[in-house]
Amino acid sequence: MAIFIENVLDVYSQGAINAVLTDLDHFIDGKKTAGRSAQQVKNNLQADKNCSEIKGATKLIEQALLSHPDFINAAQPQKLAKVMLSRYEEGMEYGPHIDDAVIEDTRTDLSFTLFLSDPDSYQGGELVIQQPDGAESIKLAKGSVYVYPTKYVHYVAPVTEGVRFAAIGWVQSHVRLEEHRQILLNVAVLLKQLPDVTENRAIRLQLLQIQSQLQRLWYD
């Protein structure tokens, strides 16, 4: 199950984060934050997590994600393992790799990429997910996030022009199994689509009961 969510960041947050990203002094070689195998294929710049401005920008992203109802319904987040800000300049890329199963003592059930650049401002730089039914290439609008199971091999295509900014991170979900998360998301979507009016109250109550029972069964 993979989904994208539009407009995760408000205008204020986007402006504050982009102001931080334009300062090259906030970035280090991305290989320093990669696992042993990923170091061989990673060629980008990563924001220095010890920088106070970067900490502030990361906090804004965490708050936006964990308060967004669509992200909550899709990921059933227990906690975020990590959030990192990346910068890809012309010629940079991140070759095929698989993310670690555990990051900072946190199980990684889901990965996400939050796009922080206007798609017309750079060429290339697509996030490519290699799924069983074929590769999927993703390049979203600024402020939109793509959430997908961490188990997939993926890569960032070479940037051929411009600069690509993004935030990446991982989620430990309350619900371990992808199939169970999909069912809970389906219930949440039905509730959202069903107006809360008198004639729907009985059906909505049944759906809420089902939702609660499934959460009790599947939540860690």
C-alpha atoms as a PDB file:
ATOM      1  CA  MET A   1       0.000   0.000   0.000  1.00  0.00           C
ATOM      2  CA  ALA A   2       1.412   3.360  -1.060  1.00  0.00           C
ATOM      3  CA  ILE A   3      -0.380   6.703  -0.995  1.00  0.00           C
ATOM      4  CA  PHE A   4       0.359  10.351  -1.633  1.00  0.00           C
ATOM      5  CA  ILE A   5      -1.025  13.248   0.382  1.00  0.00           C
ATOM      6  CA  GLU A   6      -1.192  16.798  -0.921  1.00  0.00           C
ATOM      7  CA  ASN A   7      -0.569  20.032   0.993  1.00  0.00           C
ATOM      8  CA  VAL A   8       0.924  18.514   4.125  1.00  0.00           C
ATOM      9  CA  LEU A   9       2.754  21.771   4.880  1.00  0.00           C
ATOM     10  CA  ASP A  10       1.101  25.160   5.223  1.00  0.00           C
ATOM     11  CA  VAL A  11       2.572  28.222   3.499  1.00  0.00           C
ATOM     12  CA  TYR A  12       4.316  29.450   6.661  1.00  0.00           C
ATOM     13  CA  SER A  13       6.043  26.110   7.256  1.00  0.00           C
ATOM     14  CA  GLN A  14       7.112  25.805   3.622  1.00  0.00           C
ATOM     15  CA  GLY A  15       8.659  29.265   3.723  1.00  0.00           C
ATOM     16  CA  ALA A  16      10.490  28.628   6.992  1.00  0.00           C
ATOM     17  CA  ILE A  17      11.855  25.280   5.825  1.00  0.00           C
ATOM     18  CA  ASN A  18      12.958  26.554   2.415  1.00  0.00           C
ATOM     19  CA  ALA A  19      14.802  29.472   4.035  1.00  0.00           C
ATOM     20  CA  VAL A  20      16.882  26.914   5.949  1.00  0.00           C
ATOM     21  CA  LEU A  21      17.480  24.684   2.924  1.00  0.00           C
ATOM     22  CA  THR A  22      19.000  27.428   0.778  1.00  0.00           C
ATOM     23  CA  ASP A  23      21.983  27.780   3.146  1.00  0.00           C
ATOM     24  CA  LEU A  24      24.684  25.344   2.010  1.00  0.00           C
ATOM     25  CA  ASP A  25      26.409  25.628   5.388  1.00  0.00           C
ATOM     26  CA  HIS A  26      23.598  23.504   6.829  1.00  0.00           C
ATOM     27  CA  PHE A  27      24.538  20.473   4.709  1.00  0.00           C
ATOM     28  CA  ILE A  28      27.123  17.681   4.865  1.00  0.00           C
ATOM     29  CA  ASP A  29      28.050  14.782   2.578  1.00  0.00           C
ATOM     30  CA  GLY A  30      25.079  12.404   2.488  1.00  0.00           C
ATOM     31  CA  LYS A  31      27.323   9.341   2.725  1.00  0.00           C
ATOM     32  CA  LYS A  32      27.887  10.167   6.405  1.00  0.00           C
ATOM     33  CA  THR A  33      24.225   9.391   7.183  1.00  0.00           C
ATOM     34  CA  ALA A  34      23.936   6.240   5.026  1.00  0.00           C
ATOM     35  CA  GLY A  35      24.152   2.613   6.076  1.00  0.00           C
ATOM     36  CA  ARG A  36      27.161   0.559   5.001  1.00  0.00           C
ATOM     37  CA  SER A  37      25.653  -0.755   1.759  1.00  0.00           C
ATOM     38  CA  ALA A  38      23.881   2.501   0.862  1.00  0.00           C
ATOM     39  CA  GLN A  39      27.120   4.498   1.104  1.00  0.00           C
ATOM     40  CA  GLN A  40      28.227   2.982  -2.187  1.00  0.00           C
ATOM     41  CA  VAL A  41      25.235   4.391  -4.111  1.00  0.00           C
ATOM     42  CA  LYS A  42      24.398   7.597  -2.216  1.00  0.00           C
ATOM     43  CA  ASN A  43      25.493  10.886  -3.760  1.00  0.00           C
ATOM     44  CA  ASN A  44      23.668  13.818  -2.227  1.00  0.00           C
ATOM     45  CA  LEU A  45      23.871  16.381   0.543  1.00  0.00           C
ATOM     46  CA  GLN A  46      22.190  15.794   3.891  1.00  0.00           C
ATOM     47  CA  ALA A  47      21.225  18.458   6.404  1.00  0.00           C
ATOM     48  CA  ASP A  48      23.332  18.464   9.558  1.00  0.00           C
ATOM     49  CA  LYS A  49      21.020  17.202  12.317  1.00  0.00           C
ATOM     50  CA  ASN A  50      23.073  19.057  14.948  1.00  0.00           C
ATOM     51  CA  CYS A  51      22.293  22.448  13.401  1.00  0.00           C
ATOM     52  CA  SER A  52      19.634  24.349  15.390  1.00  0.00           C
ATOM     53  CA  GLU A  53      17.929  25.658  12.234  1.00  0.00           C
ATOM     54  CA  ILE A  54      17.695  22.121  10.850  1.00  0.00           C
ATOM     55  CA  LYS A  55      16.247  20.874  14.128  1.00  0.00           C
ATOM     56  CA  GLY A  56      13.557  23.552  13.873  1.00  0.00           C
ATOM     57  CA  ALA A  57      12.709  22.679  10.266  1.00  0.00           C
ATOM     58  CA  THR A  58      12.561  18.971  11.092  1.00  0.00           C
ATOM     59  CA  LYS A  59      10.233  19.678  14.015  1.00  0.00           C
ATOM     60  CA  LEU A  60       7.832  21.550  11.729  1.00  0.00           C
ATOM     61  CA  ILE A  61       7.715  18.552   9.380  1.00  0.00           C
ATOM     62  CA  GLU A  62       7.153  16.063  12.199  1.00  0.00           C
ATOM     63  CA  GLN A  63       4.306  18.153  13.629  1.00  0.00           C
ATOM     64  CA  ALA A  64       2.685  18.557  10.207  1.00  0.00           C
ATOM     65  CA  LEU A  65       2.761  14.827   9.488  1.00  0.00           C
ATOM     66  CA  LEU A  66       1.608  13.637  12.903  1.00  0.00           C
ATOM     67  CA  SER A  67      -1.335  16.049  12.906  1.00  0.00           C
ATOM     68  CA  HIS A  68      -2.505  15.348   9.350  1.00  0.00           C
ATOM     69  CA  PRO A  69      -5.585  13.068   9.361  1.00  0.00           C
ATOM     70  CA  ASP A  70      -4.752  11.377   6.050  1.00  0.00           C
ATOM     71  CA  PHE A  71      -1.237  10.534   7.237  1.00  0.00           C
ATOM     72  CA  ILE A  72      -2.622   9.206  10.512  1.00  0.00           C
ATOM     73  CA  ASN A  73      -5.208   7.028   8.749  1.00  0.00           C
ATOM     74  CA  ALA A  74      -2.697   5.640   6.255  1.00  0.00           C
ATOM     75  CA  ALA A  75       0.297   5.085   8.523  1.00  0.00           C
ATOM     76  CA  GLN A  76      -1.318   4.527  11.935  1.00  0.00           C
ATOM     77  CA  PRO A  77       1.896   6.079  13.311  1.00  0.00           C
ATOM     78  CA  GLN A  78       3.251   4.996  16.654  1.00  0.00           C
ATOM     79  CA  LYS A  79       6.351   7.148  16.218  1.00  0.00           C
ATOM     80  CA  LEU A  80       8.706   8.505  13.586  1.00  0.00           C
ATOM     81  CA  ALA A  81      12.055   6.755  13.459  1.00  0.00           C
ATOM     82  CA  LYS A  82      13.847   9.669  11.863  1.00  0.00           C
ATOM     83  CA  VAL A  83      13.370  12.650   9.558  1.00  0.00           C
ATOM     84  CA  MET A  84      16.198  13.934   7.368  1.00  0.00           C
ATOM     85  CA  LEU A  85      16.420  16.832   4.912  1.00  0.00           C
ATOM     86  CA  SER A  86      18.250  16.180   1.657  1.00  0.00           C
ATOM     87  CA  ARG A  87      19.579  18.306  -1.179  1.00  0.00           C
ATOM     88  CA  TYR A  88      20.352  17.003  -4.675  1.00  0.00           C
ATOM     89  CA  GLU A  89      22.309  19.257  -6.977  1.00  0.00           C
ATOM     90  CA  GLU A  90      22.948  18.686 -10.662  1.00  0.00           C
ATOM     91  CA  GLY A  91      24.501  15.250 -11.239  1.00  0.00           C
ATOM     92  CA  MET A  92      23.547  13.877  -7.818  1.00  0.00           C
ATOM     93  CA  GLU A  93      21.494  10.723  -7.275  1.00  0.00           C
ATOM     94  CA  TYR A  94      20.808   7.913  -4.816  1.00  0.00           C
ATOM     95  CA  GLY A  95      21.139   4.513  -6.444  1.00  0.00           C
ATOM     96  CA  PRO A  96      18.984   1.428  -5.779  1.00  0.00           C
ATOM     97  CA  HIS A  97      18.923   0.489  -2.105  1.00  0.00           C
ATOM     98  CA  ILE A  98      16.747  -0.906   0.653  1.00  0.00           C
ATOM     99  CA  ASP A  99      16.215   1.011   3.897  1.00  0.00           C
ATOM    100  CA  ASP A 100      17.252  -0.557   7.181  1.00  0.00           C
ATOM    101  CA  ALA A 101      14.623  -2.532   9.093  1.00  0.00           C
ATOM    102  CA  VAL A 102      15.571  -0.718  12.305  1.00  0.00           C
ATOM    103  CA  ILE A 103      16.695   2.905  12.497  1.00  0.00           C
ATOM    104  CA  GLU A 104      17.661   4.458  15.832  1.00  0.00           C
ATOM    105  CA  ASP A 105      16.136   1.503  17.723  1.00  0.00           C
ATOM    106  CA  THR A 106      12.846   1.947  15.862  1.00  0.00           C
ATOM    107  CA  ARG A 107      11.225  -0.582  13.510  1.00  0.00           C
ATOM    108  CA  THR A 108      10.659   0.899  10.054  1.00  0.00           C
ATOM    109  CA  ASP A 109       7.300  -0.182   8.650  1.00  0.00           C
ATOM    110  CA  LEU A 110       6.828   2.749   6.277  1.00  0.00           C
ATOM    111  CA  SER A 111       9.060   5.210   4.466  1.00  0.00           C
ATOM    112  CA  PHE A 112       8.065   8.629   3.197  1.00  0.00           C
ATOM    113  CA  THR A 113       9.384  11.353   0.938  1.00  0.00           C
ATOM    114  CA  LEU A 114       8.069  14.881   1.430  1.00  0.00           C
ATOM    115  CA  PHE A 115       8.799  16.939  -1.684  1.00  0.00           C
ATOM    116  CA  LEU A 116      10.090  20.445  -0.870  1.00  0.00           C
ATOM    117  CA  SER A 117      10.785  21.830  -4.360  1.00  0.00           C
ATOM    118  CA  ASP A 118       8.453  22.902  -7.132  1.00  0.00           C
ATOM    119  CA  PRO A 119       8.623  20.075  -9.685  1.00  0.00           C
ATOM    120  CA  ASP A 120       9.293  22.543 -12.509  1.00  0.00           C
ATOM    121  CA  SER A 121      12.382  23.905 -10.726  1.00  0.00           C
ATOM    122  CA  TYR A 122      14.475  20.790 -11.399  1.00  0.00           C
ATOM    123  CA  GLN A 123      14.775  18.033 -13.979  1.00  0.00           C
ATOM    124  CA  GLY A 124      15.162  14.361 -13.104  1.00  0.00           C
ATOM    125  CA  GLY A 125      15.265  13.507  -9.412  1.00  0.00           C
ATOM    126  CA  GLU A 126      12.221  11.218  -9.480  1.00  0.00           C
ATOM    127  CA  LEU A 127      11.704   8.805  -6.604  1.00  0.00           C
ATOM    128  CA  VAL A 128      11.442   5.362  -8.201  1.00  0.00           C
ATOM    129  CA  ILE A 129       9.899   2.458  -6.271  1.00  0.00           C
ATOM    130  CA  GLN A 130      10.538  -1.054  -7.598  1.00  0.00           C
ATOM    131  CA  GLN A 131       7.322  -2.921  -6.801  1.00  0.00           C
ATOM    132  CA  PRO A 132       6.359  -6.490  -7.801  1.00  0.00           C
ATOM    133  CA  ASP A 133       4.162  -5.203 -10.646  1.00  0.00           C
ATOM    134  CA  GLY A 134       6.814  -2.827 -11.980  1.00  0.00           C
ATOM    135  CA  ALA A 135       8.651   0.374 -11.182  1.00  0.00           C
ATOM    136  CA  GLU A 136       6.708   3.469 -10.168  1.00  0.00           C
ATOM    137  CA  SER A 137       8.211   6.927 -10.748  1.00  0.00           C
ATOM    138  CA  ILE A 138       7.071   9.695  -8.386  1.00  0.00           C
ATOM    139  CA  LYS A 139       7.594  13.447  -8.594  1.00  0.00           C
ATOM    140  CA  LEU A 140       5.045  15.390  -6.563  1.00  0.00           C
ATOM    141  CA  ALA A 141       4.128  19.001  -6.006  1.00  0.00           C
ATOM    142  CA  LYS A 142       5.908  20.978  -3.319  1.00  0.00           C
ATOM    143  CA  GLY A 143       4.485  20.165   0.104  1.00  0.00           C
ATOM    144  CA  SER A 144       3.134  16.739  -0.916  1.00  0.00           C
ATOM    145  CA  VAL A 145       4.278  13.466   0.646  1.00  0.00           C
ATOM    146  CA  TYR A 146       4.544   9.928  -0.710  1.00  0.00           C
ATOM    147  CA  VAL A 147       4.237   7.103   1.851  1.00  0.00           C
ATOM    148  CA  TYR A 148       5.178   3.515   0.993  1.00  0.00           C
ATOM    149  CA  PRO A 149       6.227   0.237   2.670  1.00  0.00           C
ATOM    150  CA  THR A 150       9.894   0.274   3.629  1.00  0.00           C
ATOM    151  CA  LYS A 151      10.433  -3.215   2.172  1.00  0.00           C
ATOM    152  CA  TYR A 152      10.724  -1.972  -1.431  1.00  0.00           C
ATOM    153  CA  VAL A 153      13.960  -1.349  -3.295  1.00  0.00           C
ATOM    154  CA  HIS A 154      13.947   2.279  -4.424  1.00  0.00           C
ATOM    155  CA  TYR A 155      16.196   5.030  -5.747  1.00  0.00           C
ATOM    156  CA  VAL A 156      16.348   8.721  -6.603  1.00  0.00           C
ATOM    157  CA  ALA A 157      17.055   9.294 -10.301  1.00  0.00           C
ATOM    158  CA  PRO A 158      19.915  11.645 -11.235  1.00  0.00           C
ATOM    159  CA  VAL A 159      19.099  15.353 -11.114  1.00  0.00           C
ATOM    160  CA  THR A 160      20.005  16.746 -14.531  1.00  0.00           C
ATOM    161  CA  GLU A 161      19.129  20.382 -13.899  1.00  0.00           C
ATOM    162  CA  GLY A 162      18.292  22.547 -10.875  1.00  0.00           C
ATOM    163  CA  VAL A 163      18.202  21.543  -7.207  1.00  0.00           C
ATOM    164  CA  ARG A 164      15.885  19.018  -5.571  1.00  0.00           C
ATOM    165  CA  PHE A 165      14.993  19.384  -1.879  1.00  0.00           C
ATOM    166  CA  ALA A 166      13.115  16.712   0.049  1.00  0.00           C
ATOM    167  CA  ALA A 167      12.514  15.390   3.534  1.00  0.00           C
ATOM    168  CA  ILE A 168      12.698  11.662   4.040  1.00  0.00           C
ATOM    169  CA  GLY A 169      11.770   9.593   7.056  1.00  0.00           C
ATOM    170  CA  TRP A 170      10.459   6.365   8.481  1.00  0.00           C
ATOM    171  CA  VAL A 171       7.447   5.372  10.553  1.00  0.00           C
ATOM    172  CA  GLN A 172       6.918   2.672  13.114  1.00  0.00           C
ATOM    173  CA  SER A 173       3.239   1.913  12.795  1.00  0.00           C
ATOM    174  CA  HIS A 174       0.875   0.724  15.492  1.00  0.00           C
ATOM    175  CA  VAL A 175      -0.176  -1.847  12.869  1.00  0.00           C
ATOM    176  CA  ARG A 176       2.618  -4.106  11.632  1.00  0.00           C
ATOM    177  CA  LEU A 177       0.954  -5.718   8.613  1.00  0.00           C
ATOM    178  CA  GLU A 178       0.383  -3.795   5.393  1.00  0.00           C
ATOM    179  CA  GLU A 179      -2.894  -5.621   4.743  1.00  0.00           C
ATOM    180  CA  HIS A 180      -4.275  -4.580   8.120  1.00  0.00           C
ATOM    181  CA  ARG A 181      -3.289  -0.944   7.582  1.00  0.00           C
ATOM    182  CA  GLN A 182      -5.081  -1.019   4.225  1.00  0.00           C
ATOM    183  CA  ILE A 183      -8.296  -2.296   5.817  1.00  0.00           C
ATOM    184  CA  LEU A 184      -8.183   0.411   8.497  1.00  0.00           C
ATOM    185  CA  LEU A 185      -7.565   3.032   5.816  1.00  0.00           C
ATOM    186  CA  ASN A 186     -10.550   1.747   3.819  1.00  0.00           C
ATOM    187  CA  VAL A 187     -12.789   2.115   6.878  1.00  0.00           C
ATOM    188  CA  ALA A 188     -11.490   5.645   7.506  1.00  0.00           C
ATOM    189  CA  VAL A 189     -12.149   6.598   3.872  1.00  0.00           C
ATOM    190  CA  LEU A 190     -15.716   5.269   4.088  1.00  0.00           C
ATOM    191  CA  LEU A 191     -16.336   7.305   7.237  1.00  0.00           C
ATOM    192  CA  LYS A 192     -14.965  10.418   5.550  1.00  0.00           C
ATOM    193  CA  GLN A 193     -17.166   9.905   2.494  1.00  0.00           C
ATOM    194  CA  LEU A 194     -20.325   9.224   4.500  1.00  0.00           C
ATOM    195  CA  PRO A 195     -21.858  12.537   5.656  1.00  0.00           C
ATOM    196  CA  ASP A 196     -22.549  12.731   9.388  1.00  0.00           C
ATOM    197  CA  VAL A 197     -26.296  13.298   9.042  1.00  0.00           C
ATOM    198  CA  THR A 198     -29.257  11.670  10.761  1.00  0.00           C
ATOM    199  CA  GLU A 199     -29.967   9.043   8.107  1.00  0.00           C
ATOM    200  CA  ASN A 200     -26.331   7.872   8.177  1.00  0.00           C
ATOM    201  CA  ARG A 201     -25.846   7.737  11.949  1.00  0.00           C
ATOM    202  CA  ALA A 202     -26.557   4.014  12.322  1.00  0.00           C
ATOM    203  CA  ILE A 203     -24.159   3.025   9.517  1.00  0.00           C
ATOM    204  CA  ARG A 204     -21.452   5.387  10.803  1.00  0.00           C
ATOM    205  CA  LEU A 205     -21.795   3.936  14.282  1.00  0.00           C
ATOM    206  CA  GLN A 206     -21.327   0.427  12.903  1.00  0.00           C
ATOM    207  CA  LEU A 207     -18.225   1.517  10.984  1.00  0.00           C
ATOM    208  CA  LEU A 208     -16.790   3.194  14.074  1.00  0.00           C
ATOM    209  CA  GLN A 209     -17.410   0.006  16.039  1.00  0.00           C
ATOM    210  CA  ILE A 210     -15.620  -2.060  13.377  1.00  0.00           C
ATOM    211  CA  GLN A 211     -12.744   0.427  13.343  1.00  0.00           C
ATOM    212  CA  SER A 212     -12.335   0.224  17.121  1.00  0.00           C
ATOM    213  CA  GLN A 213     -12.493  -3.567  17.167  1.00  0.00           C
ATOM    214  CA  LEU A 214      -9.851  -3.876  14.465  1.00  0.00           C
ATOM    215  CA  GLN A 215      -7.569  -1.412  16.237  1.00  0.00           C
ATOM    216  CA  ARG A 216      -7.848  -3.465  19.435  1.00  0.00           C
ATOM    217  CA  LEU A 217      -6.957  -6.614  17.480  1.00  0.00           C
ATOM    218  CA  TRP A 218      -4.022  -5.199  15.524  1.00  0.00           C
ATOM    219  CA  TYR A 219      -2.494  -2.353  17.534  1.00  0.00           C
ATOM    220  CA  ASP A 220       0.931  -2.877  19.130  1.00  0.00           C
END
